[in-house]
């Protein structure tokens, strides 16, 4: 049984003291690849260092997270552009729109997202999308840019069935994480109506820790709890969930 964690921030300070143990624990649970979404230039060196430490296992993305679109966003974007020109990345991410914390740079968030999608099309790379309090706006941006060859993941999907269907119709996958295990989550009702062929697994470690570890640091080995919950909802086996979601991840990122 092989899992792929399509979205985890294992390069952050939260894992500085025990990253080798974290990778070993995840490997024991069947997690063989860890895709690392970028945040901004401050954390990128640690991301690249981790990729070098675990080549072929920890795999880097490049991008500017919408929450880090600040007054220096143009400088940040130049660095992303330079990185993409210098080497191959697995994807551009995480990118998108976040109107939850702060809408000061809303206009700039749109510009940054659109530019990064254009880079993805240029380099033929998937995109990994962050959307918070902005689902319909984010879907609209993707819809306007979809020319048939744009692909990727709506990371940490927690929205409605209607939104899920729009995302699927755009040829994108739903990133399913720890929220599906939360006691009062409405996500199971949505997921029950959608085929596994449209989903990938993610932890978003160290964030969004699944039950029974809510409130503690998340880690990639906990993907098994997400898979178990998804299997229960879909009335299938954990092995089937692993096989289908791993195949989906390989469709997006390659083998």
Protein backbone atom coordinates (compact mmCIF):
# COMPACT_ATOMS: atom_id res chain seq x y z
CA UNK A 1 0.00 0.00 0.00
CA UNK A 2 1.60 3.23 -1.20
CA UNK A 3 0.52 6.76 -0.33
CA UNK A 4 1.62 10.11 -1.73
CA UNK A 5 1.37 13.19 0.48
CA UNK A 6 0.60 15.75 -2.21
CA UNK A 7 0.88 18.76 0.13
CA UNK A 8 3.10 19.10 3.22
CA UNK A 9 5.39 21.78 4.62
CA UNK A 10 7.98 19.46 6.19
CA UNK A 11 10.71 22.07 5.69
CA UNK A 12 9.28 24.43 8.33
CA UNK A 13 10.89 25.01 11.75
CA UNK A 14 8.26 22.72 13.32
CA UNK A 15 10.24 19.73 11.98
CA UNK A 16 13.79 21.04 12.42
CA UNK A 17 14.64 18.68 15.29
CA UNK A 18 13.18 15.39 14.04
CA UNK A 19 12.71 15.48 10.27
CA UNK A 20 14.55 12.17 9.71
CA UNK A 21 12.25 10.44 12.18
CA UNK A 22 9.20 12.10 10.58
CA UNK A 23 10.16 10.79 7.12
CA UNK A 24 10.93 7.31 8.53
CA UNK A 25 7.57 7.12 10.35
CA UNK A 26 5.73 8.15 7.20
CA UNK A 27 7.67 5.65 5.10
CA UNK A 28 6.69 2.91 7.55
CA UNK A 29 3.03 3.85 6.98
CA UNK A 30 3.51 3.63 3.20
CA UNK A 31 4.07 7.29 2.33
CA UNK A 32 6.74 7.22 -0.38
CA UNK A 33 6.63 10.77 -1.78
CA UNK A 34 6.18 14.16 -0.17
CA UNK A 35 5.34 17.17 -2.34
CA UNK A 36 6.50 20.47 -0.80
CA UNK A 37 4.54 23.60 -1.73
CA UNK A 38 6.42 26.89 -1.52
CA UNK A 39 5.33 29.82 0.62
CA UNK A 40 7.76 32.69 -0.03
CA UNK A 41 11.48 33.48 -0.34
CA UNK A 42 12.05 33.32 3.43
CA UNK A 43 11.22 29.61 3.59
CA UNK A 44 12.44 28.55 0.13
CA UNK A 45 16.05 27.80 1.19
CA UNK A 46 14.80 25.31 3.81
CA UNK A 47 12.47 23.74 1.22
CA UNK A 48 15.32 23.23 -1.28
CA UNK A 49 17.61 21.91 1.48
CA UNK A 50 15.05 19.27 2.44
CA UNK A 51 14.64 18.21 -1.18
CA UNK A 52 18.43 17.72 -1.41
CA UNK A 53 18.43 15.77 1.86
CA UNK A 54 15.78 13.33 0.56
CA UNK A 55 16.14 13.34 -3.25
CA UNK A 56 13.27 11.72 -5.13
CA UNK A 57 11.27 11.51 -1.91
CA UNK A 58 10.79 15.16 -0.94
CA UNK A 59 9.92 17.09 -4.08
CA UNK A 60 9.85 20.87 -4.42
CA UNK A 61 7.30 23.22 -5.88
CA UNK A 62 7.90 26.90 -6.62
CA UNK A 63 5.44 29.72 -6.03
CA UNK A 64 4.17 32.58 -3.92
CA UNK A 65 1.40 31.83 -1.39
CA UNK A 66 -1.49 34.36 -1.53
CA UNK A 67 -1.15 35.17 2.19
CA UNK A 68 2.38 36.37 1.44
CA UNK A 69 1.40 38.80 -1.28
CA UNK A 70 2.65 41.87 0.59
CA UNK A 71 4.17 45.25 -0.36
CA UNK A 72 7.25 43.37 -1.69
CA UNK A 73 5.21 41.04 -3.92
CA UNK A 74 6.99 42.12 -7.10
CA UNK A 75 10.39 41.20 -5.64
CA UNK A 76 8.98 37.86 -4.50
CA UNK A 77 7.60 37.15 -7.96
CA UNK A 78 10.95 37.93 -9.59
CA UNK A 79 12.55 35.28 -7.36
CA UNK A 80 9.89 32.70 -8.30
CA UNK A 81 10.37 33.52 -11.98
CA UNK A 82 14.15 33.11 -11.65
CA UNK A 83 13.74 29.79 -9.84
CA UNK A 84 11.46 28.41 -12.56
CA UNK A 85 13.92 29.45 -15.27
CA UNK A 86 16.84 27.86 -13.42
CA UNK A 87 15.52 24.32 -12.81
CA UNK A 88 12.58 21.93 -13.05
CA UNK A 89 9.95 21.91 -10.30
CA UNK A 90 7.11 19.46 -9.69
CA UNK A 91 4.46 22.19 -9.77
CA UNK A 92 3.75 25.85 -9.18
CA UNK A 93 2.23 26.20 -5.76
CA UNK A 94 0.83 27.00 -3.57
CA UNK A 95 -0.93 29.80 -5.37
CA UNK A 96 -4.43 31.25 -5.24
CA UNK A 97 -6.65 33.70 -3.39
CA UNK A 98 -7.09 34.10 0.38
CA UNK A 99 -9.64 36.64 1.58
CA UNK A 100 -9.89 35.25 5.12
CA UNK A 101 -7.11 37.13 6.90
CA UNK A 102 -6.63 40.29 4.89
CA UNK A 103 -7.97 41.77 1.65
CA UNK A 104 -5.54 44.71 1.52
CA UNK A 105 -3.71 43.19 -1.46
CA UNK A 106 -6.75 41.61 -3.13
CA UNK A 107 -6.01 43.15 -6.54
CA UNK A 108 -2.38 42.04 -6.30
CA UNK A 109 -3.44 38.50 -5.28
CA UNK A 110 -5.37 38.22 -8.55
CA UNK A 111 -2.38 39.47 -10.54
CA UNK A 112 0.03 37.12 -8.77
CA UNK A 113 -2.25 34.12 -9.28
CA UNK A 114 -2.81 34.86 -12.96
CA UNK A 115 0.89 35.39 -13.61
CA UNK A 116 1.81 32.13 -11.91
CA UNK A 117 -0.82 30.26 -13.95
CA UNK A 118 0.73 31.74 -17.10
CA UNK A 119 4.12 30.42 -15.96
CA UNK A 120 2.58 27.00 -15.34
CA UNK A 121 1.23 26.95 -18.88
CA UNK A 122 4.58 28.08 -20.25
CA UNK A 123 6.55 25.38 -18.37
CA UNK A 124 3.79 22.76 -18.68
CA UNK A 125 3.53 22.35 -14.91
CA UNK A 126 0.53 21.58 -12.69
CA UNK A 127 -0.66 24.16 -10.19
CA UNK A 128 -1.57 23.63 -6.54
CA UNK A 129 -4.28 26.03 -5.45
CA UNK A 130 -4.95 27.61 -2.07
CA UNK A 131 -8.43 29.09 -1.75
CA UNK A 132 -9.93 30.48 1.45
CA UNK A 133 -13.13 32.53 1.58
CA UNK A 134 -12.64 32.85 -2.19
CA UNK A 135 -13.77 29.59 -3.82
CA UNK A 136 -15.94 30.99 -6.61
CA UNK A 137 -13.45 33.75 -7.39
CA UNK A 138 -10.63 31.19 -7.57
CA UNK A 139 -12.64 28.84 -9.78
CA UNK A 140 -13.40 31.76 -12.10
CA UNK A 141 -9.69 32.60 -12.48
CA UNK A 142 -8.91 28.98 -13.40
CA UNK A 143 -11.88 28.85 -15.77
CA UNK A 144 -10.63 31.94 -17.62
CA UNK A 145 -7.13 30.44 -17.95
CA UNK A 146 -8.15 26.85 -18.79
CA UNK A 147 -7.26 26.22 -22.41
CA UNK A 148 -7.37 22.46 -22.05
CA UNK A 149 -3.86 21.87 -20.72
CA UNK A 150 -3.99 23.44 -17.25
CA UNK A 151 -4.11 20.83 -14.48
CA UNK A 152 -3.62 20.55 -10.75
CA UNK A 153 -5.16 20.35 -7.31
CA UNK A 154 -7.53 22.48 -5.26
CA UNK A 155 -5.66 21.87 -2.01
CA UNK A 156 -7.54 21.36 1.27
CA UNK A 157 -10.94 21.17 -0.40
CA UNK A 158 -13.74 21.80 2.14
CA UNK A 159 -16.43 23.45 0.04
CA UNK A 160 -19.79 22.39 -1.42
CA UNK A 161 -20.73 19.64 -3.87
CA UNK A 162 -21.49 22.32 -6.48
CA UNK A 163 -17.96 23.76 -6.12
CA UNK A 164 -16.47 20.26 -6.27
CA UNK A 165 -18.31 19.61 -9.52
CA UNK A 166 -17.07 22.88 -11.02
CA UNK A 167 -13.49 21.94 -10.09
CA UNK A 168 -13.86 18.46 -11.59
CA UNK A 169 -15.37 19.94 -14.76
CA UNK A 170 -12.21 22.07 -15.07
CA UNK A 171 -10.12 18.89 -15.03
CA UNK A 172 -8.73 19.49 -11.54
CA UNK A 173 -8.46 17.22 -8.51
CA UNK A 174 -9.67 17.73 -4.94
CA UNK A 175 -7.02 17.63 -2.21
CA UNK A 176 -8.52 15.77 0.76
CA UNK A 177 -6.90 16.28 4.16
CA UNK A 178 -7.48 16.19 7.89
CA UNK A 179 -10.68 18.26 7.81
CA UNK A 180 -12.54 15.15 6.63
CA UNK A 181 -11.93 13.60 10.08
CA UNK A 182 -13.23 16.57 12.10
CA UNK A 183 -16.29 15.85 14.20
CA UNK A 184 -18.56 18.57 12.81
CA UNK A 185 -17.18 18.59 9.27
CA UNK A 186 -19.74 18.68 6.46
CA UNK A 187 -17.12 17.43 4.00
CA UNK A 188 -18.08 13.73 4.31
CA UNK A 189 -21.57 14.53 2.95
CA UNK A 190 -19.98 16.16 -0.09
CA UNK A 191 -17.32 13.49 -0.64
CA UNK A 192 -19.91 10.71 -0.47
CA UNK A 193 -21.28 12.00 -3.81
CA UNK A 194 -17.90 12.19 -5.61
CA UNK A 195 -15.75 9.41 -7.08
CA UNK A 196 -12.27 8.67 -5.71
CA UNK A 197 -10.93 9.19 -9.23
CA UNK A 198 -11.21 12.94 -8.56
CA UNK A 199 -9.25 13.00 -5.29
CA UNK A 200 -5.71 13.04 -3.94
CA UNK A 201 -4.56 12.80 -0.32
CA UNK A 202 -2.64 15.47 1.59
CA UNK A 203 -1.76 16.33 5.17
CA UNK A 204 -0.77 20.03 4.94
CA UNK A 205 1.61 19.17 7.79
CA UNK A 206 2.22 20.74 10.29
CA UNK A 207 -1.32 22.17 9.93
CA UNK A 208 -4.85 20.68 9.88
CA UNK A 209 -4.02 17.65 12.02
CA UNK A 210 -6.62 14.88 11.67
CA UNK A 211 -8.53 13.30 14.53
CA UNK A 212 -7.48 11.76 16.89
CA UNK A 213 -4.51 14.18 17.08
CA UNK A 214 -6.24 17.54 16.60
CA UNK A 215 -4.41 20.33 18.38
CA UNK A 216 -1.02 18.68 17.93
CA UNK A 217 1.54 19.03 15.17
CA UNK A 218 0.47 17.27 11.99
CA UNK A 219 2.85 14.94 10.16
CA UNK A 220 2.79 12.89 6.98
CA UNK A 221 2.38 9.51 8.71
CA UNK A 222 -1.10 10.67 9.76
CA UNK A 223 -2.24 10.34 6.14
CA UNK A 224 -3.45 6.87 7.14
CA UNK A 225 -6.19 8.43 9.30
CA UNK A 226 -7.37 10.50 6.35
CA UNK A 227 -7.36 7.40 4.14
CA UNK A 228 -9.26 5.36 6.75
CA UNK A 229 -11.96 8.02 7.07
CA UNK A 230 -12.23 8.37 3.30
CA UNK A 231 -12.53 4.58 2.95
CA UNK A 232 -15.33 4.51 5.55
CA UNK A 233 -17.21 7.32 3.78
CA UNK A 234 -16.84 5.66 0.38
CA UNK A 235 -17.56 2.16 1.80
CA UNK A 236 -14.36 0.72 0.38
CA UNK A 237 -10.95 -0.39 1.67
CA UNK A 238 -8.00 1.74 2.70
CA UNK A 239 -6.00 -0.17 0.08
CA UNK A 240 -8.41 0.96 -2.65
CA UNK A 241 -8.20 4.57 -1.46
CA UNK A 242 -4.38 4.37 -1.51
CA UNK A 243 -4.27 2.82 -4.99
CA UNK A 244 -6.64 5.31 -6.63
CA UNK A 245 -5.37 8.49 -4.94
CA UNK A 246 -1.73 7.55 -5.58
CA UNK A 247 -2.49 6.89 -9.26
CA UNK A 248 -4.22 10.30 -9.40
CA UNK A 249 -1.18 12.02 -7.86
CA UNK A 250 1.04 10.35 -10.47
CA UNK A 251 -1.26 11.62 -13.22
CA UNK A 252 -0.71 15.16 -11.95
CA UNK A 253 2.99 15.12 -11.04
CA UNK A 254 4.32 12.17 -13.05
CA UNK A 255 5.95 9.06 -11.61
